[in-house]
Amino acid sequence: MSQENSENQIVNIDDENAANQVVQSEQTSAPQNQEDNFDNLQKAVQILAQAKQLDELKRYDKALTLYRQGVDMLLEEMIVRQGTEQSRSYLRDKCNDFMNRIDQLKMMLQNQRAENKENEAKI
């Protein structure tokens, strides 16, 4: 896959508003003692937005690290929190999208490193 094609498949976190709506709907349906824990979900959304920005800037190593961190946080929230079926489905879909992008970045970085080693061997 060319670098240009992989860049076109960057996960769209522009629907951060949709993610925030999920957080808000979860907050209104959550018991009072769980409300404080939504900070983790909001933090995950922020981390994933930052990962997307780094991805667009072609800072793939750092983007990969943040994508992984954000996905881990989302998966943890899915385990800990019951939520509505709509919110769980949304988070599950987003996790799948981000994990696909993580796989793309890993392959791209492996190819870049292999090319760098080949170029160093030629010198």
N, C-alpha and C. Protein backbone atom coordinates (compact mmCIF):
# COMPACT_ATOMS: atom_id res chain seq x y z
N MET A 1 0.86 -1.17 0.00
CA MET A 1 0.00 0.00 0.00
C MET A 1 0.90 1.22 0.00
N SER A 2 0.61 2.17 -0.85
CA SER A 2 1.43 3.37 -0.92
C SER A 2 1.16 4.25 0.28
N GLN A 3 2.12 5.12 0.55
CA GLN A 3 1.98 6.04 1.68
C GLN A 3 0.78 6.95 1.48
N GLU A 4 0.55 7.36 0.24
CA GLU A 4 -0.58 8.25 -0.05
C GLU A 4 -1.90 7.56 0.26
N ASN A 5 -2.03 6.29 -0.13
CA ASN A 5 -3.26 5.54 0.15
C ASN A 5 -3.48 5.38 1.64
N SER A 6 -2.42 5.09 2.37
CA SER A 6 -2.58 4.90 3.81
C SER A 6 -2.95 6.20 4.50
N GLU A 7 -2.45 7.33 3.99
CA GLU A 7 -2.81 8.61 4.58
C GLU A 7 -4.28 8.92 4.34
N ASN A 8 -4.83 8.46 3.23
CA ASN A 8 -6.23 8.69 2.93
C ASN A 8 -7.14 7.88 3.84
N GLN A 9 -6.59 6.87 4.49
CA GLN A 9 -7.40 6.03 5.35
C GLN A 9 -7.24 6.38 6.82
N ILE A 10 -6.74 7.55 7.11
CA ILE A 10 -6.61 8.00 8.49
C ILE A 10 -8.00 8.02 9.11
N VAL A 11 -8.10 7.46 10.29
CA VAL A 11 -9.38 7.41 10.98
C VAL A 11 -9.88 8.82 11.23
N ASN A 12 -11.13 9.03 10.94
CA ASN A 12 -11.72 10.36 11.09
C ASN A 12 -12.19 10.56 12.52
N ILE A 13 -11.46 11.37 13.27
CA ILE A 13 -11.88 11.71 14.64
C ILE A 13 -12.56 13.07 14.63
N ASP A 14 -12.84 13.58 13.40
CA ASP A 14 -13.56 14.83 13.31
C ASP A 14 -14.95 14.70 13.91
N ASP A 15 -15.39 13.47 14.06
CA ASP A 15 -16.67 13.28 14.71
C ASP A 15 -16.46 13.22 16.22
N GLU A 16 -15.48 13.98 16.69
CA GLU A 16 -15.22 14.09 18.13
C GLU A 16 -16.48 14.59 18.83
N ASN A 17 -17.28 15.39 18.13
CA ASN A 17 -18.55 15.83 18.70
C ASN A 17 -19.45 14.64 18.97
N ALA A 18 -19.46 13.68 18.07
CA ALA A 18 -20.27 12.48 18.28
C ALA A 18 -19.75 11.71 19.49
N ALA A 19 -18.43 11.63 19.62
CA ALA A 19 -17.86 10.93 20.78
C ALA A 19 -18.22 11.67 22.06
N ASN A 20 -18.17 12.98 22.02
CA ASN A 20 -18.53 13.76 23.20
C ASN A 20 -20.01 13.59 23.54
N GLN A 21 -20.85 13.44 22.51
CA GLN A 21 -22.27 13.20 22.76
C GLN A 21 -22.48 11.86 23.45
N VAL A 22 -21.70 10.86 23.04
CA VAL A 22 -21.78 9.56 23.70
C VAL A 22 -21.40 9.70 25.17
N VAL A 23 -20.31 10.44 25.42
CA VAL A 23 -19.87 10.66 26.81
C VAL A 23 -20.98 11.34 27.59
N GLN A 24 -21.58 12.38 27.02
CA GLN A 24 -22.64 13.11 27.72
C GLN A 24 -23.85 12.23 27.97
N SER A 25 -24.25 11.41 26.99
CA SER A 25 -25.41 10.55 27.21
C SER A 25 -25.12 9.50 28.27
N GLU A 26 -23.87 9.03 28.29
CA GLU A 26 -23.48 8.07 29.32
C GLU A 26 -23.48 8.74 30.69
N GLN A 27 -23.05 9.98 30.76
CA GLN A 27 -23.01 10.68 32.04
C GLN A 27 -24.41 10.87 32.60
N THR A 28 -25.36 11.18 31.75
CA THR A 28 -26.71 11.42 32.25
C THR A 28 -27.39 10.13 32.69
N SER A 29 -26.98 9.00 32.12
CA SER A 29 -27.60 7.74 32.51
C SER A 29 -26.81 7.00 33.59
N ALA A 30 -25.63 7.52 33.96
CA ALA A 30 -24.79 6.84 34.93
C ALA A 30 -25.19 7.20 36.35
N PRO A 31 -25.00 6.24 37.26
CA PRO A 31 -25.20 6.57 38.67
C PRO A 31 -24.19 7.63 39.10
N GLN A 32 -24.51 8.36 40.13
CA GLN A 32 -23.69 9.49 40.57
C GLN A 32 -22.24 9.09 40.82
N ASN A 33 -21.99 7.91 41.42
CA ASN A 33 -20.62 7.54 41.76
C ASN A 33 -19.78 7.18 40.53
N GLN A 34 -20.41 6.89 39.38
CA GLN A 34 -19.65 6.58 38.18
C GLN A 34 -19.34 7.83 37.37
N GLU A 35 -20.02 8.91 37.66
CA GLU A 35 -19.90 10.11 36.86
C GLU A 35 -18.47 10.63 36.80
N ASP A 36 -17.73 10.53 37.90
CA ASP A 36 -16.37 11.03 37.95
C ASP A 36 -15.45 10.25 37.00
N ASN A 37 -15.80 9.02 36.70
CA ASN A 37 -14.95 8.17 35.90
C ASN A 37 -15.02 8.48 34.41
N PHE A 38 -15.90 9.38 34.00
CA PHE A 38 -15.98 9.71 32.59
C PHE A 38 -14.79 10.54 32.14
N ASP A 39 -13.99 10.99 33.08
CA ASP A 39 -12.77 11.69 32.73
C ASP A 39 -11.88 10.80 31.86
N ASN A 40 -11.86 9.50 32.15
CA ASN A 40 -11.04 8.56 31.37
C ASN A 40 -11.51 8.49 29.92
N LEU A 41 -12.81 8.47 29.72
CA LEU A 41 -13.35 8.41 28.37
C LEU A 41 -13.04 9.70 27.61
N GLN A 42 -13.21 10.81 28.27
CA GLN A 42 -12.89 12.09 27.63
C GLN A 42 -11.40 12.21 27.34
N LYS A 43 -10.57 11.71 28.24
CA LYS A 43 -9.13 11.73 28.03
C LYS A 43 -8.75 10.85 26.84
N ALA A 44 -9.41 9.71 26.70
CA ALA A 44 -9.15 8.83 25.56
C ALA A 44 -9.48 9.54 24.24
N VAL A 45 -10.60 10.26 24.21
CA VAL A 45 -10.99 11.00 23.01
C VAL A 45 -9.93 12.06 22.68
N GLN A 46 -9.43 12.74 23.71
CA GLN A 46 -8.39 13.76 23.49
C GLN A 46 -7.10 13.13 22.97
N ILE A 47 -6.72 12.01 23.55
CA ILE A 47 -5.49 11.33 23.12
C ILE A 47 -5.61 10.87 21.68
N LEU A 48 -6.77 10.34 21.32
CA LEU A 48 -6.97 9.88 19.94
C LEU A 48 -7.00 11.04 18.96
N ALA A 49 -7.53 12.17 19.37
CA ALA A 49 -7.52 13.36 18.52
C ALA A 49 -6.08 13.84 18.30
N GLN A 50 -5.28 13.79 19.36
CA GLN A 50 -3.88 14.18 19.25
C GLN A 50 -3.13 13.19 18.34
N ALA A 51 -3.45 11.91 18.47
CA ALA A 51 -2.82 10.90 17.61
C ALA A 51 -3.13 11.18 16.14
N LYS A 52 -4.36 11.54 15.85
CA LYS A 52 -4.75 11.84 14.47
C LYS A 52 -3.97 13.04 13.95
N GLN A 53 -3.80 14.07 14.79
CA GLN A 53 -3.04 15.24 14.37
C GLN A 53 -1.59 14.87 14.04
N LEU A 54 -0.98 14.05 14.90
CA LEU A 54 0.39 13.62 14.66
C LEU A 54 0.47 12.75 13.41
N ASP A 55 -0.53 11.94 13.20
CA ASP A 55 -0.61 11.09 12.01
C ASP A 55 -0.63 11.96 10.76
N GLU A 56 -1.44 12.99 10.77
CA GLU A 56 -1.52 13.91 9.63
C GLU A 56 -0.22 14.66 9.40
N LEU A 57 0.53 14.89 10.47
CA LEU A 57 1.83 15.56 10.38
C LEU A 57 2.95 14.57 10.02
N LYS A 58 2.58 13.31 9.81
CA LYS A 58 3.51 12.23 9.44
C LYS A 58 4.51 11.91 10.54
N ARG A 59 4.10 12.15 11.78
CA ARG A 59 4.92 11.76 12.93
C ARG A 59 4.36 10.42 13.42
N TYR A 60 4.59 9.40 12.60
CA TYR A 60 3.93 8.12 12.74
C TYR A 60 4.29 7.37 14.02
N ASP A 61 5.55 7.44 14.44
CA ASP A 61 5.95 6.73 15.67
C ASP A 61 5.14 7.21 16.87
N LYS A 62 5.08 8.51 17.03
CA LYS A 62 4.35 9.08 18.17
C LYS A 62 2.85 8.86 18.02
N ALA A 63 2.34 9.00 16.79
CA ALA A 63 0.92 8.77 16.54
C ALA A 63 0.55 7.33 16.91
N LEU A 64 1.39 6.39 16.53
CA LEU A 64 1.15 4.98 16.83
C LEU A 64 1.05 4.75 18.34
N THR A 65 1.96 5.35 19.08
CA THR A 65 1.95 5.22 20.54
C THR A 65 0.65 5.77 21.13
N LEU A 66 0.23 6.93 20.65
CA LEU A 66 -0.99 7.55 21.18
C LEU A 66 -2.25 6.80 20.74
N TYR A 67 -2.27 6.30 19.51
CA TYR A 67 -3.41 5.49 19.08
C TYR A 67 -3.56 4.27 20.00
N ARG A 68 -2.45 3.61 20.29
CA ARG A 68 -2.50 2.43 21.16
C ARG A 68 -3.01 2.80 22.55
N GLN A 69 -2.49 3.89 23.09
CA GLN A 69 -2.90 4.33 24.42
C GLN A 69 -4.40 4.66 24.44
N GLY A 70 -4.86 5.38 23.44
CA GLY A 70 -6.27 5.76 23.37
C GLY A 70 -7.18 4.56 23.22
N VAL A 71 -6.81 3.62 22.37
CA VAL A 71 -7.61 2.41 22.18
C VAL A 71 -7.66 1.60 23.47
N ASP A 72 -6.52 1.48 24.14
CA ASP A 72 -6.50 0.75 25.42
C ASP A 72 -7.48 1.38 26.41
N MET A 73 -7.51 2.70 26.43
CA MET A 73 -8.41 3.38 27.36
C MET A 73 -9.87 3.15 26.97
N LEU A 74 -10.17 3.18 25.67
CA LEU A 74 -11.54 2.92 25.23
C LEU A 74 -11.97 1.49 25.56
N LEU A 75 -11.09 0.54 25.32
CA LEU A 75 -11.42 -0.85 25.62
C LEU A 75 -11.64 -1.05 27.12
N GLU A 76 -10.82 -0.40 27.91
CA GLU A 76 -10.99 -0.49 29.36
C GLU A 76 -12.36 0.07 29.77
N GLU A 77 -12.75 1.19 29.17
CA GLU A 77 -14.06 1.78 29.47
C GLU A 77 -15.19 0.83 29.08
N MET A 78 -15.02 0.14 27.96
CA MET A 78 -16.06 -0.80 27.53
C MET A 78 -16.20 -1.95 28.51
N ILE A 79 -15.10 -2.35 29.12
CA ILE A 79 -15.14 -3.44 30.09
C ILE A 79 -15.76 -2.98 31.40
N VAL A 80 -15.36 -1.80 31.84
CA VAL A 80 -15.77 -1.28 33.15
C VAL A 80 -17.21 -0.77 33.15
N ARG A 81 -17.61 -0.13 32.07
CA ARG A 81 -18.89 0.56 32.03
C ARG A 81 -19.90 -0.21 31.20
N GLN A 82 -21.11 -0.29 31.71
CA GLN A 82 -22.16 -0.98 30.96
C GLN A 82 -22.59 -0.15 29.76
N GLY A 83 -23.06 1.04 29.95
CA GLY A 83 -23.46 1.92 28.86
C GLY A 83 -24.65 1.41 28.07
N THR A 84 -25.07 2.23 27.14
CA THR A 84 -26.17 1.84 26.26
C THR A 84 -25.61 1.01 25.11
N GLU A 85 -26.46 0.27 24.44
CA GLU A 85 -26.00 -0.53 23.30
C GLU A 85 -25.46 0.38 22.19
N GLN A 86 -26.09 1.53 22.04
CA GLN A 86 -25.63 2.49 21.01
C GLN A 86 -24.22 2.98 21.32
N SER A 87 -23.96 3.34 22.56
CA SER A 87 -22.63 3.84 22.91
C SER A 87 -21.59 2.74 22.83
N ARG A 88 -21.95 1.54 23.24
CA ARG A 88 -21.01 0.41 23.18
C ARG A 88 -20.69 0.07 21.72
N SER A 89 -21.70 0.11 20.89
CA SER A 89 -21.49 -0.17 19.47
C SER A 89 -20.59 0.89 18.84
N TYR A 90 -20.84 2.14 19.18
CA TYR A 90 -20.02 3.24 18.67
C TYR A 90 -18.56 3.07 19.10
N LEU A 91 -18.34 2.79 20.38
CA LEU A 91 -16.97 2.61 20.88
C LEU A 91 -16.30 1.40 20.23
N ARG A 92 -17.05 0.34 20.06
CA ARG A 92 -16.51 -0.87 19.43
C ARG A 92 -16.08 -0.57 17.99
N ASP A 93 -16.93 0.14 17.25
CA ASP A 93 -16.60 0.50 15.87
C ASP A 93 -15.37 1.40 15.81
N LYS A 94 -15.30 2.38 16.71
CA LYS A 94 -14.15 3.28 16.74
C LYS A 94 -12.87 2.52 17.08
N CYS A 95 -12.95 1.62 18.04
CA CYS A 95 -11.77 0.82 18.40
C CYS A 95 -11.29 0.02 17.19
N ASN A 96 -12.22 -0.58 16.46
CA ASN A 96 -11.85 -1.34 15.25
C ASN A 96 -11.19 -0.43 14.22
N ASP A 97 -11.73 0.75 14.01
CA ASP A 97 -11.14 1.70 13.07
C ASP A 97 -9.72 2.07 13.49
N PHE A 98 -9.55 2.38 14.76
CA PHE A 98 -8.23 2.77 15.25
C PHE A 98 -7.25 1.60 15.20
N MET A 99 -7.72 0.40 15.50
CA MET A 99 -6.83 -0.76 15.45
C MET A 99 -6.39 -1.04 14.01
N ASN A 100 -7.28 -0.82 13.05
CA ASN A 100 -6.89 -0.96 11.64
C ASN A 100 -5.82 0.05 11.28
N ARG A 101 -5.97 1.29 11.75
CA ARG A 101 -4.96 2.31 11.48
C ARG A 101 -3.64 1.97 12.16
N ILE A 102 -3.71 1.43 13.37
CA ILE A 102 -2.49 0.99 14.07
C ILE A 102 -1.76 -0.05 13.24
N ASP A 103 -2.50 -1.01 12.71
CA ASP A 103 -1.88 -2.04 11.87
C ASP A 103 -1.23 -1.43 10.62
N GLN A 104 -1.91 -0.47 10.00
CA GLN A 104 -1.35 0.19 8.83
C GLN A 104 -0.06 0.92 9.17
N LEU A 105 -0.07 1.63 10.29
CA LEU A 105 1.12 2.38 10.69
C LEU A 105 2.27 1.44 11.02
N LYS A 106 1.98 0.33 11.69
CA LYS A 106 3.04 -0.63 12.01
C LYS A 106 3.69 -1.16 10.75
N MET A 107 2.87 -1.52 9.75
CA MET A 107 3.41 -2.03 8.50
C MET A 107 4.23 -0.96 7.78
N MET A 108 3.72 0.25 7.76
CA MET A 108 4.40 1.35 7.10
C MET A 108 5.74 1.62 7.77
N LEU A 109 5.76 1.64 9.09
CA LEU A 109 7.01 1.89 9.81
C LEU A 109 8.00 0.75 9.62
N GLN A 110 7.52 -0.48 9.59
CA GLN A 110 8.41 -1.62 9.34
C GLN A 110 9.04 -1.51 7.96
N ASN A 111 8.24 -1.13 6.97
CA ASN A 111 8.76 -0.97 5.61
C ASN A 111 9.79 0.16 5.55
N GLN A 112 9.52 1.26 6.22
CA GLN A 112 10.46 2.38 6.24
C GLN A 112 11.78 1.97 6.89
N ARG A 113 11.69 1.23 7.99
CA ARG A 113 12.91 0.80 8.68
C ARG A 113 13.71 -0.17 7.81
N ALA A 114 13.00 -1.06 7.11
CA ALA A 114 13.68 -1.99 6.22
C ALA A 114 14.38 -1.24 5.09
N GLU A 115 13.71 -0.25 4.52
CA GLU A 115 14.33 0.55 3.46
C GLU A 115 15.54 1.30 3.99
N ASN A 116 15.44 1.84 5.20
CA ASN A 116 16.57 2.56 5.79
C ASN A 116 17.77 1.64 5.98
N LYS A 117 17.53 0.41 6.42
CA LYS A 117 18.61 -0.55 6.61
C LYS A 117 19.25 -0.90 5.29
N GLU A 118 18.43 -1.08 4.25
CA GLU A 118 18.95 -1.38 2.92
C GLU A 118 19.80 -0.23 2.40
N ASN A 119 19.33 0.98 2.61
CA ASN A 119 20.09 2.15 2.15
C ASN A 119 21.39 2.30 2.91
N GLU A 120 21.39 2.00 4.21
CA GLU A 120 22.61 2.09 5.01
C GLU A 120 23.59 1.02 4.57
N ALA A 121 23.10 -0.16 4.20
CA ALA A 121 23.98 -1.25 3.76
C ALA A 121 24.65 -0.90 2.43
N LYS A 122 23.98 -0.11 1.59
CA LYS A 122 24.54 0.27 0.30
C LYS A 122 25.63 1.31 0.45
N ILE A 123 25.60 2.05 1.55
CA ILE A 123 26.59 3.13 1.73
C ILE A 123 27.89 2.61 2.21
